[in-house]
């Protein structure tokens, strides 16, 4: 399964677990272009209670956490780094 299953969700600083940036660069006679894909854990405070019992556990959002503020921080960081995010 791998170590990515040891960390989930978002931290208080707005960073998500398992964040990955992949860039494909194509160079040809016509010029150079780049395509960037980013992905990571769901930007909420959540957990998987039955993760050890089933292969497809359902995420459970943790109550009482600052979901909106930390997701906003995360999305602002993405926009600052990458511009408009589709």
PDB file of N, CA and C in Angstrom:
ATOM      1  N   UNK A   1       0.818  -1.192   0.000  1.00  0.00           N
ATOM      2  CA  UNK A   1       0.000   0.000   0.000  1.00  0.00           C
ATOM      3  C   UNK A   1       0.860   1.254   0.000  1.00  0.00           C
ATOM      4  N   UNK A   2       1.917   1.275   0.767  1.00  0.00           N
ATOM      5  CA  UNK A   2       2.805   2.431   0.748  1.00  0.00           C
ATOM      6  C   UNK A   2       2.569   3.386   1.896  1.00  0.00           C
ATOM      7  N   UNK A   3       3.520   4.305   2.091  1.00  0.00           N
ATOM      8  CA  UNK A   3       3.457   5.228   3.219  1.00  0.00           C
ATOM      9  C   UNK A   3       2.435   6.342   3.020  1.00  0.00           C
ATOM     10  N   UNK A   4       1.905   6.534   1.803  1.00  0.00           N
ATOM     11  CA  UNK A   4       0.920   7.600   1.602  1.00  0.00           C
ATOM     12  C   UNK A   4      -0.330   7.375   2.433  1.00  0.00           C
ATOM     13  N   UNK A   5      -0.550   6.154   2.923  1.00  0.00           N
ATOM     14  CA  UNK A   5      -1.721   5.862   3.733  1.00  0.00           C
ATOM     15  C   UNK A   5      -1.529   6.225   5.196  1.00  0.00           C
ATOM     16  N   UNK A   6      -0.343   6.718   5.582  1.00  0.00           N
ATOM     17  CA  UNK A   6      -0.098   7.113   6.963  1.00  0.00           C
ATOM     18  C   UNK A   6      -0.501   8.565   7.221  1.00  0.00           C
ATOM     19  N   UNK A   7      -0.733   9.351   6.184  1.00  0.00           N
ATOM     20  CA  UNK A   7      -1.050  10.765   6.344  1.00  0.00           C
ATOM     21  C   UNK A   7      -2.214  11.119   5.431  1.00  0.00           C
ATOM     22  N   UNK A   8      -3.174  11.878   5.980  1.00  0.00           N
ATOM     23  CA  UNK A   8      -4.367  12.239   5.223  1.00  0.00           C
ATOM     24  C   UNK A   8      -4.742  13.691   5.485  1.00  0.00           C
ATOM     25  N   UNK A   9      -5.470  14.275   4.552  1.00  0.00           N
ATOM     26  CA  UNK A   9      -6.090  15.571   4.770  1.00  0.00           C
ATOM     27  C   UNK A   9      -5.158  16.754   4.707  1.00  0.00           C
ATOM     28  N   UNK A  10      -5.506  17.767   5.496  1.00  0.00           N
ATOM     29  CA  UNK A  10      -4.811  19.055   5.474  1.00  0.00           C
ATOM     30  C   UNK A  10      -4.267  19.365   6.866  1.00  0.00           C
ATOM     31  N   UNK A  11      -3.161  20.076   6.907  1.00  0.00           N
ATOM     32  CA  UNK A  11      -2.592  20.512   8.180  1.00  0.00           C
ATOM     33  C   UNK A  11      -3.076  21.910   8.528  1.00  0.00           C
ATOM     34  N   UNK A  12      -2.853  22.328   9.744  1.00  0.00           N
ATOM     35  CA  UNK A  12      -3.291  23.643  10.208  1.00  0.00           C
ATOM     36  C   UNK A  12      -2.672  24.778   9.391  1.00  0.00           C
ATOM     37  N   UNK A  13      -1.551  24.512   8.707  1.00  0.00           N
ATOM     38  CA  UNK A  13      -0.870  25.525   7.894  1.00  0.00           C
ATOM     39  C   UNK A  13      -1.378  25.574   6.453  1.00  0.00           C
ATOM     40  N   UNK A  14      -2.354  24.723   6.110  1.00  0.00           N
ATOM     41  CA  UNK A  14      -2.915  24.733   4.761  1.00  0.00           C
ATOM     42  C   UNK A  14      -2.215  23.829   3.771  1.00  0.00           C
ATOM     43  N   UNK A  15      -1.238  23.062   4.223  1.00  0.00           N
ATOM     44  CA  UNK A  15      -0.564  22.104   3.334  1.00  0.00           C
ATOM     45  C   UNK A  15      -1.302  20.767   3.383  1.00  0.00           C
ATOM     46  N   UNK A  16      -1.543  20.175   2.198  1.00  0.00           N
ATOM     47  CA  UNK A  16      -2.221  18.877   2.150  1.00  0.00           C
ATOM     48  C   UNK A  16      -1.198  17.746   2.162  1.00  0.00           C
ATOM     49  N   UNK A  17      -1.635  16.609   2.645  1.00  0.00           N
ATOM     50  CA  UNK A  17      -0.791  15.410   2.624  1.00  0.00           C
ATOM     51  C   UNK A  17      -0.647  14.909   1.199  1.00  0.00           C
ATOM     52  N   UNK A  18       0.415  14.206   0.949  1.00  0.00           N
ATOM     53  CA  UNK A  18       0.639  13.519  -0.329  1.00  0.00           C
ATOM     54  C   UNK A  18       0.579  14.457  -1.537  1.00  0.00           C
ATOM     55  N   UNK A  19       1.068  15.688  -1.378  1.00  0.00           N
ATOM     56  CA  UNK A  19       1.053  16.655  -2.475  1.00  0.00           C
ATOM     57  C   UNK A  19       2.138  16.291  -3.486  1.00  0.00           C
ATOM     58  N   UNK A  20       1.754  16.260  -4.756  1.00  0.00           N
ATOM     59  CA  UNK A  20       2.684  15.904  -5.824  1.00  0.00           C
ATOM     60  C   UNK A  20       2.499  16.876  -6.987  1.00  0.00           C
ATOM     61  N   UNK A  21       3.607  17.342  -7.541  1.00  0.00           N
ATOM     62  CA  UNK A  21       3.582  18.155  -8.756  1.00  0.00           C
ATOM     63  C   UNK A  21       4.288  17.366  -9.849  1.00  0.00           C
ATOM     64  N   UNK A  22       3.624  17.230 -10.994  1.00  0.00           N
ATOM     65  CA  UNK A  22       4.213  16.540 -12.136  1.00  0.00           C
ATOM     66  C   UNK A  22       4.217  17.496 -13.315  1.00  0.00           C
ATOM     67  N   UNK A  23       5.357  17.629 -13.967  1.00  0.00           N
ATOM     68  CA  UNK A  23       5.452  18.515 -15.123  1.00  0.00           C
ATOM     69  C   UNK A  23       5.968  17.737 -16.327  1.00  0.00           C
ATOM     70  N   UNK A  24       5.288  17.940 -17.448  1.00  0.00           N
ATOM     71  CA  UNK A  24       5.727  17.340 -18.705  1.00  0.00           C
ATOM     72  C   UNK A  24       6.188  18.484 -19.602  1.00  0.00           C
ATOM     73  N   UNK A  25       7.406  18.401 -20.073  1.00  0.00           N
ATOM     74  CA  UNK A  25       7.960  19.427 -20.951  1.00  0.00           C
ATOM     75  C   UNK A  25       8.173  18.800 -22.327  1.00  0.00           C
ATOM     76  N   UNK A  26       7.659  19.475 -23.344  1.00  0.00           N
ATOM     77  CA  UNK A  26       7.810  19.008 -24.723  1.00  0.00           C
ATOM     78  C   UNK A  26       8.608  20.056 -25.490  1.00  0.00           C
ATOM     79  N   UNK A  27       9.714  19.611 -26.095  1.00  0.00           N
ATOM     80  CA  UNK A  27      10.558  20.493 -26.890  1.00  0.00           C
ATOM     81  C   UNK A  27      10.523  19.988 -28.331  1.00  0.00           C
ATOM     82  N   UNK A  28      10.212  20.891 -29.244  1.00  0.00           N
ATOM     83  CA  UNK A  28      10.190  20.522 -30.661  1.00  0.00           C
ATOM     84  C   UNK A  28      10.718  21.696 -31.480  1.00  0.00           C
ATOM     85  N   UNK A  29      10.764  21.518 -32.785  1.00  0.00           N
ATOM     86  CA  UNK A  29      11.197  22.599 -33.670  1.00  0.00           C
ATOM     87  C   UNK A  29      10.256  23.801 -33.573  1.00  0.00           C
ATOM     88  N   UNK A  30       8.986  23.546 -33.214  1.00  0.00           N
ATOM     89  CA  UNK A  30       7.990  24.618 -33.116  1.00  0.00           C
ATOM     90  C   UNK A  30       8.124  25.413 -31.815  1.00  0.00           C
ATOM     91  N   UNK A  31       8.841  24.886 -30.842  1.00  0.00           N
ATOM     92  CA  UNK A  31       9.002  25.587 -29.572  1.00  0.00           C
ATOM     93  C   UNK A  31       8.958  24.625 -28.398  1.00  0.00           C
ATOM     94  N   UNK A  32       8.769  25.182 -27.223  1.00  0.00           N
ATOM     95  CA  UNK A  32       8.726  24.408 -25.987  1.00  0.00           C
ATOM     96  C   UNK A  32       7.409  24.671 -25.284  1.00  0.00           C
ATOM     97  N   UNK A  33       6.803  23.611 -24.754  1.00  0.00           N
ATOM     98  CA  UNK A  33       5.593  23.792 -23.962  1.00  0.00           C
ATOM     99  C   UNK A  33       5.678  22.931 -22.708  1.00  0.00           C
ATOM    100  N   UNK A  34       4.868  23.291 -21.736  1.00  0.00           N
ATOM    101  CA  UNK A  34       4.903  22.612 -20.448  1.00  0.00           C
ATOM    102  C   UNK A  34       3.482  22.388 -19.963  1.00  0.00           C
ATOM    103  N   UNK A  35       3.255  21.245 -19.340  1.00  0.00           N
ATOM    104  CA  UNK A  35       1.945  20.894 -18.777  1.00  0.00           C
ATOM    105  C   UNK A  35       2.189  20.439 -17.344  1.00  0.00           C
ATOM    106  N   UNK A  36       1.557  21.117 -16.384  1.00  0.00           N
ATOM    107  CA  UNK A  36       1.763  20.812 -14.965  1.00  0.00           C
ATOM    108  C   UNK A  36       0.477  20.273 -14.361  1.00  0.00           C
ATOM    109  N   UNK A  37       0.591  19.182 -13.610  1.00  0.00           N
ATOM    110  CA  UNK A  37      -0.529  18.602 -12.867  1.00  0.00           C
ATOM    111  C   UNK A  37      -0.124  18.542 -11.401  1.00  0.00           C
ATOM    112  N   UNK A  38      -1.023  19.011 -10.518  1.00  0.00           N
ATOM    113  CA  UNK A  38      -0.782  18.882  -9.081  1.00  0.00           C
ATOM    114  C   UNK A  38      -1.918  18.067  -8.483  1.00  0.00           C
ATOM    115  N   UNK A  39      -1.586  17.321  -7.449  1.00  0.00           N
ATOM    116  CA  UNK A  39      -2.612  16.544  -6.760  1.00  0.00           C
ATOM    117  C   UNK A  39      -2.183  16.370  -5.312  1.00  0.00           C
ATOM    118  N   UNK A  40      -3.145  16.035  -4.501  1.00  0.00           N
ATOM    119  CA  UNK A  40      -2.867  15.818  -3.085  1.00  0.00           C
ATOM    120  C   UNK A  40      -4.108  15.318  -2.388  1.00  0.00           C
ATOM    121  N   UNK A  41      -4.017  15.191  -1.100  1.00  0.00           N
ATOM    122  CA  UNK A  41      -5.122  14.711  -0.296  1.00  0.00           C
ATOM    123  C   UNK A  41      -6.269  15.724  -0.299  1.00  0.00           C
ATOM    124  N   UNK A  42      -7.464  15.289   0.059  1.00  0.00           N
ATOM    125  CA  UNK A  42      -8.623  16.172   0.159  1.00  0.00           C
ATOM    126  C   UNK A  42      -8.284  17.297   1.140  1.00  0.00           C
ATOM    127  N   UNK A  43      -8.444  18.585   0.746  1.00  0.00           N
ATOM    128  CA  UNK A  43      -8.023  19.677   1.621  1.00  0.00           C
ATOM    129  C   UNK A  43      -9.007  19.973   2.761  1.00  0.00           C
ATOM    130  N   UNK A  44      -9.296  18.969   3.554  1.00  0.00           N
ATOM    131  CA  UNK A  44     -10.134  19.064   4.751  1.00  0.00           C
ATOM    132  C   UNK A  44      -9.486  18.237   5.846  1.00  0.00           C
ATOM    133  N   UNK A  45      -9.884  18.467   7.079  1.00  0.00           N
ATOM    134  CA  UNK A  45      -9.444  17.614   8.180  1.00  0.00           C
ATOM    135  C   UNK A  45     -10.347  16.380   8.151  1.00  0.00           C
ATOM    136  N   UNK A  46      -9.769  15.221   7.878  1.00  0.00           N
ATOM    137  CA  UNK A  46     -10.579  14.009   7.781  1.00  0.00           C
ATOM    138  C   UNK A  46      -9.775  12.793   8.186  1.00  0.00           C
ATOM    139  N   UNK A  47     -10.472  11.698   8.331  1.00  0.00           N
ATOM    140  CA  UNK A  47      -9.838  10.438   8.722  1.00  0.00           C
ATOM    141  C   UNK A  47     -10.602   9.275   8.100  1.00  0.00           C
ATOM    142  N   UNK A  48      -9.993   8.112   8.145  1.00  0.00           N
ATOM    143  CA  UNK A  48     -10.629   6.887   7.643  1.00  0.00           C
ATOM    144  C   UNK A  48     -10.703   5.900   8.797  1.00  0.00           C
ATOM    145  N   UNK A  49     -11.857   5.826   9.425  1.00  0.00           N
ATOM    146  CA  UNK A  49     -12.013   4.971  10.591  1.00  0.00           C
ATOM    147  C   UNK A  49     -11.864   3.494  10.299  1.00  0.00           C
ATOM    148  N   UNK A  50     -12.382   3.046   9.166  1.00  0.00           N
ATOM    149  CA  UNK A  50     -12.349   1.621   8.858  1.00  0.00           C
ATOM    150  C   UNK A  50     -11.244   1.256   7.869  1.00  0.00           C
ATOM    151  N   UNK A  51     -10.190   2.060   7.806  1.00  0.00           N
ATOM    152  CA  UNK A  51      -9.122   1.867   6.818  1.00  0.00           C
ATOM    153  C   UNK A  51      -8.468   0.495   6.914  1.00  0.00           C
ATOM    154  N   UNK A  52      -8.410  -0.081   8.093  1.00  0.00           N
ATOM    155  CA  UNK A  52      -7.768  -1.385   8.244  1.00  0.00           C
ATOM    156  C   UNK A  52      -8.716  -2.541   7.950  1.00  0.00           C
ATOM    157  N   UNK A  53     -10.002  -2.230   7.787  1.00  0.00           N
ATOM    158  CA  UNK A  53     -11.008  -3.280   7.612  1.00  0.00           C
ATOM    159  C   UNK A  53     -11.412  -3.454   6.154  1.00  0.00           C
ATOM    160  N   UNK A  54     -11.419  -2.382   5.379  1.00  0.00           N
ATOM    161  CA  UNK A  54     -11.904  -2.429   4.007  1.00  0.00           C
ATOM    162  C   UNK A  54     -10.873  -1.835   3.046  1.00  0.00           C
ATOM    163  N   UNK A  55     -10.944  -2.225   1.798  1.00  0.00           N
ATOM    164  CA  UNK A  55     -10.024  -1.695   0.793  1.00  0.00           C
ATOM    165  C   UNK A  55     -10.454  -0.332   0.273  1.00  0.00           C
ATOM    166  N   UNK A  56     -11.727   0.040   0.458  1.00  0.00           N
ATOM    167  CA  UNK A  56     -12.241   1.326  -0.007  1.00  0.00           C
ATOM    168  C   UNK A  56     -12.938   2.054   1.145  1.00  0.00           C
ATOM    169  N   UNK A  57     -12.169   2.544   2.111  1.00  0.00           N
ATOM    170  CA  UNK A  57     -12.782   3.243   3.245  1.00  0.00           C
ATOM    171  C   UNK A  57     -13.353   4.594   2.828  1.00  0.00           C
ATOM    172  N   UNK A  58     -14.382   5.023   3.503  1.00  0.00           N
ATOM    173  CA  UNK A  58     -14.994   6.328   3.249  1.00  0.00           C
ATOM    174  C   UNK A  58     -14.360   7.374   4.154  1.00  0.00           C
ATOM    175  N   UNK A  59     -13.993   8.539   3.607  1.00  0.00           N
ATOM    176  CA  UNK A  59     -13.437   9.585   4.465  1.00  0.00           C
ATOM    177  C   UNK A  59     -14.516  10.154   5.372  1.00  0.00           C
ATOM    178  N   UNK A  60     -14.155  10.449   6.610  1.00  0.00           N
ATOM    179  CA  UNK A  60     -15.067  11.066   7.572  1.00  0.00           C
ATOM    180  C   UNK A  60     -14.476  12.410   7.979  1.00  0.00           C
ATOM    181  N   UNK A  61     -15.208  13.502   7.685  1.00  0.00           N
ATOM    182  CA  UNK A  61     -14.751  14.841   8.034  1.00  0.00           C
ATOM    183  C   UNK A  61     -14.774  14.984   9.553  1.00  0.00           C
ATOM    184  N   UNK A  62     -13.711  15.538  10.099  1.00  0.00           N
ATOM    185  CA  UNK A  62     -13.583  15.694  11.554  1.00  0.00           C
ATOM    186  C   UNK A  62     -14.297  16.974  11.999  1.00  0.00           C
ATOM    187  N   UNK A  63     -15.245  16.874  12.923  1.00  0.00           N
ATOM    188  CA  UNK A  63     -15.974  18.064  13.381  1.00  0.00           C
ATOM    189  C   UNK A  63     -15.102  18.976  14.233  1.00  0.00           C
ATOM    190  N   UNK A  64     -15.472  20.258  14.246  1.00  0.00           N
ATOM    191  CA  UNK A  64     -14.794  21.218  15.104  1.00  0.00           C
ATOM    192  C   UNK A  64     -13.451  21.707  14.602  1.00  0.00           C
ATOM    193  N   UNK A  65     -13.127  21.448  13.368  1.00  0.00           N
ATOM    194  CA  UNK A  65     -11.846  21.878  12.799  1.00  0.00           C
ATOM    195  C   UNK A  65     -12.070  23.090  11.881  1.00  0.00           C
ATOM    196  N   UNK A  66     -11.050  23.930  11.664  1.00  0.00           N
ATOM    197  CA  UNK A  66     -11.189  25.131  10.815  1.00  0.00           C
ATOM    198  C   UNK A  66     -11.070  24.802   9.321  1.00  0.00           C
ATOM    199  N   UNK A  67     -12.024  24.007   8.824  1.00  0.00           N
ATOM    200  CA  UNK A  67     -11.983  23.548   7.425  1.00  0.00           C
ATOM    201  C   UNK A  67     -11.909  24.706   6.425  1.00  0.00           C
ATOM    202  N   UNK A  68     -12.794  25.669   6.568  1.00  0.00           N
ATOM    203  CA  UNK A  68     -12.890  26.754   5.597  1.00  0.00           C
ATOM    204  C   UNK A  68     -11.605  27.584   5.542  1.00  0.00           C
ATOM    205  N   UNK A  69     -11.080  27.950   6.685  1.00  0.00           N
ATOM    206  CA  UNK A  69      -9.880  28.794   6.726  1.00  0.00           C
ATOM    207  C   UNK A  69      -8.664  28.079   6.157  1.00  0.00           C
ATOM    208  N   UNK A  70      -8.463  26.808   6.508  1.00  0.00           N
ATOM    209  CA  UNK A  70      -7.284  26.097   6.009  1.00  0.00           C
ATOM    210  C   UNK A  70      -7.421  25.760   4.527  1.00  0.00           C
ATOM    211  N   UNK A  71      -8.635  25.462   4.063  1.00  0.00           N
ATOM    212  CA  UNK A  71      -8.813  25.218   2.628  1.00  0.00           C
ATOM    213  C   UNK A  71      -8.549  26.511   1.856  1.00  0.00           C
ATOM    214  N   UNK A  72      -8.997  27.641   2.391  1.00  0.00           N
ATOM    215  CA  UNK A  72      -8.756  28.930   1.755  1.00  0.00           C
ATOM    216  C   UNK A  72      -7.248  29.198   1.642  1.00  0.00           C
ATOM    217  N   UNK A  73      -6.509  28.930   2.716  1.00  0.00           N
ATOM    218  CA  UNK A  73      -5.056  29.095   2.704  1.00  0.00           C
ATOM    219  C   UNK A  73      -4.429  28.205   1.639  1.00  0.00           C
ATOM    220  N   UNK A  74      -4.876  26.966   1.562  1.00  0.00           N
ATOM    221  CA  UNK A  74      -4.361  26.015   0.571  1.00  0.00           C
ATOM    222  C   UNK A  74      -4.623  26.518  -0.855  1.00  0.00           C
ATOM    223  N   UNK A  75      -5.850  26.951  -1.132  1.00  0.00           N
ATOM    224  CA  UNK A  75      -6.199  27.405  -2.480  1.00  0.00           C
ATOM    225  C   UNK A  75      -5.465  28.702  -2.837  1.00  0.00           C
ATOM    226  N   UNK A  76      -5.274  29.597  -1.871  1.00  0.00           N
ATOM    227  CA  UNK A  76      -4.490  30.814  -2.129  1.00  0.00           C
ATOM    228  C   UNK A  76      -3.056  30.455  -2.507  1.00  0.00           C
ATOM    229  N   UNK A  77      -2.475  29.489  -1.797  1.00  0.00           N
ATOM    230  CA  UNK A  77      -1.098  29.070  -2.092  1.00  0.00           C
ATOM    231  C   UNK A  77      -1.014  28.489  -3.508  1.00  0.00           C
ATOM    232  N   UNK A  78      -1.982  27.673  -3.891  1.00  0.00           N
ATOM    233  CA  UNK A  78      -1.993  27.111  -5.253  1.00  0.00           C
ATOM    234  C   UNK A  78      -2.076  28.218  -6.292  1.00  0.00           C
ATOM    235  N   UNK A  79      -2.955  29.195  -6.067  1.00  0.00           N
ATOM    236  CA  UNK A  79      -3.119  30.287  -7.014  1.00  0.00           C
ATOM    237  C   UNK A  79      -1.859  31.135  -7.109  1.00  0.00           C
ATOM    238  N   UNK A  80      -1.214  31.406  -5.970  1.00  0.00           N
ATOM    239  CA  UNK A  80       0.041  32.172  -5.970  1.00  0.00           C
ATOM    240  C   UNK A  80       1.137  31.442  -6.735  1.00  0.00           C
ATOM    241  N   UNK A  81       1.176  30.125  -6.582  1.00  0.00           N
ATOM    242  CA  UNK A  81       2.249  29.332  -7.187  1.00  0.00           C
ATOM    243  C   UNK A  81       1.991  29.054  -8.667  1.00  0.00           C
ATOM    244  N   UNK A  82       0.733  28.708  -9.009  1.00  0.00           N
ATOM    245  CA  UNK A  82       0.434  28.226 -10.358  1.00  0.00           C
ATOM    246  C   UNK A  82      -0.459  29.147 -11.186  1.00  0.00           C
ATOM    247  N   UNK A  83      -0.953  30.220 -10.612  1.00  0.00           N
ATOM    248  CA  UNK A  83      -1.908  31.064 -11.335  1.00  0.00           C
ATOM    249  C   UNK A  83      -3.290  30.441 -11.247  1.00  0.00           C
ATOM    250  N   UNK A  84      -4.127  30.684 -12.249  1.00  0.00           N
ATOM    251  CA  UNK A  84      -5.490  30.130 -12.252  1.00  0.00           C
ATOM    252  C   UNK A  84      -5.429  28.600 -12.219  1.00  0.00           C
ATOM    253  N   UNK A  85      -6.159  28.001 -11.297  1.00  0.00           N
ATOM    254  CA  UNK A  85      -6.194  26.541 -11.155  1.00  0.00           C
ATOM    255  C   UNK A  85      -7.535  26.041 -11.667  1.00  0.00           C
ATOM    256  N   UNK A  86      -7.490  25.130 -12.630  1.00  0.00           N
ATOM    257  CA  UNK A  86      -8.724  24.582 -13.198  1.00  0.00           C
ATOM    258  C   UNK A  86      -9.149  23.339 -12.460  1.00  0.00           C
TER     259      UNK A  86
END
